[in-house]
Amino acid sequence: MFSRFANIINALQVLDKTYSNSEMVRKILRCLPKSWMRKVTEIEEAKNLNILPLEDLLGSLMTHELSMQKKDDDEEMEKKKKKIVALKSSFLEDSEDDGEN
């Protein structure tokens, strides 16, 4: 996402449209999906967006993404562990069944 954002910003700079660091930070925060809203709110409340460097924001978002992926992977492993496999078994009761099988 950041590389696409950087390409757009660079193309706009060629057209003499520049954005301040705080505008770019706010644009990135606005474009995040709903599943990230909790993190967006945390960043907005904990940090001053007017002076937050873009690189710090990206580092924070990447760290959050890695922790979300780890959580998803852990949940998937737990589901796999909880799966119960039932095997069908058969046994012979006496020697007469041996001849039939």
N, C-alpha and C. Protein backbone atom coordinates (compact mmCIF):
# COMPACT_ATOMS: atom_id res chain seq x y z
N MET A 1 0.83 -1.18 0.00
CA MET A 1 0.00 0.00 0.00
C MET A 1 0.88 1.25 0.00
N PHE A 2 1.95 1.20 0.78
CA PHE A 2 2.79 2.40 0.87
C PHE A 2 3.46 2.72 -0.45
N SER A 3 3.89 1.70 -1.19
CA SER A 3 4.56 1.98 -2.46
C SER A 3 3.58 2.62 -3.46
N ARG A 4 2.32 2.16 -3.47
CA ARG A 4 1.32 2.78 -4.34
C ARG A 4 1.07 4.22 -3.91
N PHE A 5 0.98 4.43 -2.59
CA PHE A 5 0.77 5.77 -2.06
C PHE A 5 1.92 6.68 -2.45
N ALA A 6 3.15 6.20 -2.30
CA ALA A 6 4.33 6.99 -2.65
C ALA A 6 4.35 7.32 -4.14
N ASN A 7 3.96 6.36 -4.98
CA ASN A 7 3.91 6.62 -6.42
C ASN A 7 2.91 7.73 -6.75
N ILE A 8 1.76 7.69 -6.10
CA ILE A 8 0.74 8.72 -6.34
C ILE A 8 1.23 10.09 -5.86
N ILE A 9 1.83 10.12 -4.68
CA ILE A 9 2.33 11.39 -4.12
C ILE A 9 3.43 11.96 -5.02
N ASN A 10 4.32 11.09 -5.49
CA ASN A 10 5.40 11.55 -6.37
C ASN A 10 4.85 12.07 -7.70
N ALA A 11 3.86 11.39 -8.25
CA ALA A 11 3.26 11.86 -9.50
C ALA A 11 2.57 13.20 -9.30
N LEU A 12 1.94 13.39 -8.16
CA LEU A 12 1.30 14.67 -7.87
C LEU A 12 2.31 15.79 -7.68
N GLN A 13 3.48 15.45 -7.11
CA GLN A 13 4.53 16.47 -6.95
C GLN A 13 5.02 16.96 -8.30
N VAL A 14 5.08 16.07 -9.28
CA VAL A 14 5.46 16.48 -10.63
C VAL A 14 4.46 17.48 -11.19
N LEU A 15 3.20 17.33 -10.79
CA LEU A 15 2.14 18.24 -11.24
C LEU A 15 1.98 19.45 -10.32
N ASP A 16 2.97 19.68 -9.47
CA ASP A 16 3.00 20.81 -8.53
C ASP A 16 1.93 20.75 -7.45
N LYS A 17 1.50 19.55 -7.11
CA LYS A 17 0.57 19.39 -5.98
C LYS A 17 1.34 18.66 -4.88
N THR A 18 1.60 19.35 -3.80
CA THR A 18 2.35 18.74 -2.71
C THR A 18 1.48 18.68 -1.46
N TYR A 19 1.76 17.71 -0.64
CA TYR A 19 1.05 17.53 0.63
C TYR A 19 2.05 17.60 1.76
N SER A 20 1.60 18.15 2.87
CA SER A 20 2.45 18.18 4.05
C SER A 20 2.48 16.78 4.67
N ASN A 21 3.42 16.58 5.56
CA ASN A 21 3.55 15.29 6.23
C ASN A 21 2.27 14.93 6.98
N SER A 22 1.68 15.89 7.67
CA SER A 22 0.46 15.59 8.45
C SER A 22 -0.70 15.25 7.52
N GLU A 23 -0.79 15.88 6.35
CA GLU A 23 -1.84 15.53 5.40
C GLU A 23 -1.67 14.10 4.89
N MET A 24 -0.42 13.71 4.62
CA MET A 24 -0.17 12.35 4.14
C MET A 24 -0.50 11.33 5.23
N VAL A 25 -0.15 11.63 6.47
CA VAL A 25 -0.46 10.73 7.59
C VAL A 25 -1.96 10.54 7.71
N ARG A 26 -2.69 11.63 7.64
CA ARG A 26 -4.15 11.55 7.76
C ARG A 26 -4.77 10.80 6.58
N LYS A 27 -4.24 10.98 5.38
CA LYS A 27 -4.76 10.27 4.21
C LYS A 27 -4.55 8.76 4.36
N ILE A 28 -3.40 8.36 4.84
CA ILE A 28 -3.15 6.93 5.04
C ILE A 28 -4.10 6.37 6.09
N LEU A 29 -4.28 7.07 7.18
CA LEU A 29 -5.18 6.59 8.23
C LEU A 29 -6.61 6.48 7.74
N ARG A 30 -7.03 7.40 6.87
CA ARG A 30 -8.40 7.35 6.34
C ARG A 30 -8.62 6.20 5.38
N CYS A 31 -7.59 5.76 4.70
CA CYS A 31 -7.78 4.73 3.67
C CYS A 31 -7.72 3.31 4.23
N LEU A 32 -7.41 3.16 5.50
CA LEU A 32 -7.32 1.81 6.08
C LEU A 32 -8.70 1.17 6.21
N PRO A 33 -8.77 -0.16 6.09
CA PRO A 33 -10.07 -0.84 6.19
C PRO A 33 -10.65 -0.77 7.60
N LYS A 34 -11.93 -1.12 7.71
CA LYS A 34 -12.63 -1.05 8.99
C LYS A 34 -11.98 -1.91 10.07
N SER A 35 -11.37 -3.00 9.68
CA SER A 35 -10.74 -3.88 10.67
C SER A 35 -9.56 -3.19 11.37
N TRP A 36 -9.09 -2.08 10.81
CA TRP A 36 -7.97 -1.34 11.38
C TRP A 36 -8.44 -0.13 12.19
N MET A 37 -9.72 0.12 12.31
CA MET A 37 -10.21 1.33 12.95
C MET A 37 -9.76 1.45 14.40
N ARG A 38 -9.65 0.32 15.09
CA ARG A 38 -9.19 0.37 16.48
C ARG A 38 -7.77 0.92 16.55
N LYS A 39 -6.92 0.46 15.65
CA LYS A 39 -5.53 0.93 15.61
C LYS A 39 -5.48 2.40 15.20
N VAL A 40 -6.30 2.79 14.24
CA VAL A 40 -6.34 4.19 13.81
C VAL A 40 -6.72 5.09 14.98
N THR A 41 -7.72 4.69 15.73
CA THR A 41 -8.15 5.47 16.89
C THR A 41 -7.04 5.56 17.92
N GLU A 42 -6.34 4.46 18.16
CA GLU A 42 -5.22 4.47 19.11
C GLU A 42 -4.14 5.45 18.68
N ILE A 43 -3.81 5.44 17.40
CA ILE A 43 -2.77 6.33 16.89
C ILE A 43 -3.23 7.79 17.00
N GLU A 44 -4.46 8.05 16.63
CA GLU A 44 -4.97 9.42 16.67
C GLU A 44 -4.99 9.96 18.10
N GLU A 45 -5.32 9.12 19.06
CA GLU A 45 -5.40 9.58 20.44
C GLU A 45 -4.03 9.67 21.11
N ALA A 46 -3.13 8.78 20.75
CA ALA A 46 -1.84 8.71 21.45
C ALA A 46 -0.78 9.63 20.86
N LYS A 47 -0.91 9.98 19.59
CA LYS A 47 0.15 10.74 18.94
C LYS A 47 -0.39 12.02 18.33
N ASN A 48 0.48 12.99 18.25
CA ASN A 48 0.14 14.25 17.61
C ASN A 48 0.34 14.07 16.10
N LEU A 49 -0.74 14.01 15.36
CA LEU A 49 -0.65 13.75 13.92
C LEU A 49 0.01 14.88 13.15
N ASN A 50 0.08 16.06 13.75
CA ASN A 50 0.72 17.19 13.07
C ASN A 50 2.24 17.03 13.00
N ILE A 51 2.81 16.28 13.93
CA ILE A 51 4.27 16.12 13.94
C ILE A 51 4.71 14.66 13.79
N LEU A 52 3.76 13.75 13.63
CA LEU A 52 4.09 12.33 13.49
C LEU A 52 4.74 12.10 12.13
N PRO A 53 6.00 11.62 12.11
CA PRO A 53 6.64 11.33 10.82
C PRO A 53 5.94 10.18 10.11
N LEU A 54 5.88 10.26 8.80
CA LEU A 54 5.24 9.24 7.99
C LEU A 54 5.90 7.88 8.21
N GLU A 55 7.20 7.86 8.37
CA GLU A 55 7.94 6.61 8.58
C GLU A 55 7.54 5.94 9.90
N ASP A 56 7.31 6.76 10.94
CA ASP A 56 6.87 6.20 12.23
C ASP A 56 5.48 5.58 12.11
N LEU A 57 4.61 6.27 11.38
CA LEU A 57 3.27 5.73 11.16
C LEU A 57 3.35 4.39 10.43
N LEU A 58 4.14 4.34 9.38
CA LEU A 58 4.26 3.10 8.61
C LEU A 58 4.85 1.98 9.46
N GLY A 59 5.83 2.28 10.28
CA GLY A 59 6.40 1.28 11.18
C GLY A 59 5.37 0.73 12.15
N SER A 60 4.56 1.63 12.70
CA SER A 60 3.51 1.23 13.63
C SER A 60 2.47 0.35 12.93
N LEU A 61 2.09 0.72 11.72
CA LEU A 61 1.09 -0.05 10.98
C LEU A 61 1.64 -1.42 10.56
N MET A 62 2.90 -1.47 10.18
CA MET A 62 3.50 -2.75 9.80
C MET A 62 3.62 -3.68 10.99
N THR A 63 3.96 -3.13 12.15
CA THR A 63 4.04 -3.93 13.37
C THR A 63 2.67 -4.49 13.72
N HIS A 64 1.65 -3.65 13.59
CA HIS A 64 0.28 -4.09 13.88
C HIS A 64 -0.15 -5.19 12.90
N GLU A 65 0.21 -5.03 11.63
CA GLU A 65 -0.15 -6.03 10.64
C GLU A 65 0.50 -7.38 10.95
N LEU A 66 1.77 -7.35 11.36
CA LEU A 66 2.45 -8.59 11.71
C LEU A 66 1.82 -9.26 12.92
N SER A 67 1.42 -8.46 13.91
CA SER A 67 0.79 -9.06 15.08
C SER A 67 -0.59 -9.62 14.74
N MET A 68 -1.31 -8.98 13.82
CA MET A 68 -2.61 -9.50 13.38
C MET A 68 -2.42 -10.83 12.64
N GLN A 69 -1.40 -10.90 11.79
CA GLN A 69 -1.13 -12.14 11.05
C GLN A 69 -0.73 -13.25 12.00
N LYS A 70 0.07 -12.92 13.01
CA LYS A 70 0.48 -13.94 13.98
C LYS A 70 -0.73 -14.45 14.76
N LYS A 71 -1.60 -13.55 15.13
CA LYS A 71 -2.82 -13.94 15.85
C LYS A 71 -3.68 -14.85 14.99
N ASP A 72 -3.85 -14.49 13.71
CA ASP A 72 -4.63 -15.32 12.80
C ASP A 72 -4.00 -16.70 12.63
N ASP A 73 -2.68 -16.73 12.50
CA ASP A 73 -1.98 -18.01 12.36
C ASP A 73 -2.14 -18.87 13.60
N ASP A 74 -2.06 -18.24 14.78
CA ASP A 74 -2.23 -18.97 16.04
C ASP A 74 -3.65 -19.53 16.15
N GLU A 75 -4.64 -18.75 15.76
CA GLU A 75 -6.02 -19.22 15.81
C GLU A 75 -6.23 -20.38 14.85
N GLU A 76 -5.62 -20.30 13.69
CA GLU A 76 -5.74 -21.38 12.71
C GLU A 76 -5.09 -22.66 13.23
N MET A 77 -3.95 -22.53 13.89
CA MET A 77 -3.29 -23.70 14.46
C MET A 77 -4.14 -24.32 15.56
N GLU A 78 -4.79 -23.49 16.36
CA GLU A 78 -5.66 -24.00 17.42
C GLU A 78 -6.84 -24.77 16.83
N LYS A 79 -7.40 -24.25 15.74
CA LYS A 79 -8.51 -24.95 15.09
C LYS A 79 -8.06 -26.30 14.56
N LYS A 80 -6.88 -26.36 13.99
CA LYS A 80 -6.37 -27.62 13.46
C LYS A 80 -6.13 -28.62 14.59
N LYS A 81 -5.66 -28.13 15.74
CA LYS A 81 -5.41 -29.02 16.87
C LYS A 81 -6.72 -29.57 17.44
N LYS A 82 -7.77 -28.77 17.37
CA LYS A 82 -9.04 -29.17 17.97
C LYS A 82 -9.85 -30.11 17.08
N LYS A 83 -9.47 -30.23 15.83
CA LYS A 83 -10.21 -31.13 14.94
C LYS A 83 -10.07 -32.56 15.45
N ILE A 84 -11.17 -33.25 15.48
CA ILE A 84 -11.19 -34.63 15.94
C ILE A 84 -11.40 -35.52 14.72
N VAL A 85 -10.55 -36.48 14.60
CA VAL A 85 -10.65 -37.40 13.49
C VAL A 85 -11.18 -38.71 14.03
N ALA A 86 -12.30 -39.15 13.49
CA ALA A 86 -12.89 -40.42 13.92
C ALA A 86 -12.57 -41.46 12.84
N LEU A 87 -12.05 -42.56 13.27
CA LEU A 87 -11.75 -43.64 12.34
C LEU A 87 -12.73 -44.77 12.53
N LYS A 88 -13.14 -45.34 11.45
CA LYS A 88 -14.05 -46.47 11.50
C LYS A 88 -13.21 -47.72 11.69
N SER A 89 -13.57 -48.50 12.66
CA SER A 89 -12.80 -49.71 12.90
C SER A 89 -13.74 -50.91 12.89
N SER A 90 -13.16 -52.02 12.60
CA SER A 90 -13.93 -53.26 12.63
C SER A 90 -13.07 -54.32 13.29
N PHE A 91 -13.73 -55.27 13.87
CA PHE A 91 -13.00 -56.39 14.49
C PHE A 91 -13.79 -57.66 14.28
N LEU A 92 -13.12 -58.74 14.38
CA LEU A 92 -13.75 -60.05 14.19
C LEU A 92 -14.08 -60.64 15.54
N GLU A 93 -15.31 -61.16 15.65
CA GLU A 93 -15.73 -61.70 16.93
C GLU A 93 -15.28 -63.13 17.14
N ASP A 94 -15.32 -63.92 16.10
CA ASP A 94 -14.86 -65.30 16.27
C ASP A 94 -14.24 -65.80 14.96
N SER A 95 -13.84 -67.01 14.96
CA SER A 95 -13.12 -67.56 13.82
C SER A 95 -14.02 -67.75 12.61
N GLU A 96 -15.35 -67.83 12.77
CA GLU A 96 -16.25 -68.00 11.62
C GLU A 96 -16.19 -66.74 10.73
N ASP A 97 -16.09 -65.59 11.35
CA ASP A 97 -16.00 -64.35 10.57
C ASP A 97 -14.71 -64.27 9.77
N ASP A 98 -13.67 -64.97 10.25
CA ASP A 98 -12.40 -64.94 9.54
C ASP A 98 -12.53 -65.52 8.14
N GLY A 99 -13.30 -66.54 7.99
CA GLY A 99 -13.48 -67.17 6.70
C GLY A 99 -14.25 -66.29 5.74
N GLU A 100 -15.18 -65.51 6.23
CA GLU A 100 -15.99 -64.64 5.38
C GLU A 100 -15.22 -63.43 4.91
N ASN A 101 -14.32 -62.89 5.74
CA ASN A 101 -13.57 -61.69 5.40
C ASN A 101 -12.36 -62.08 4.65
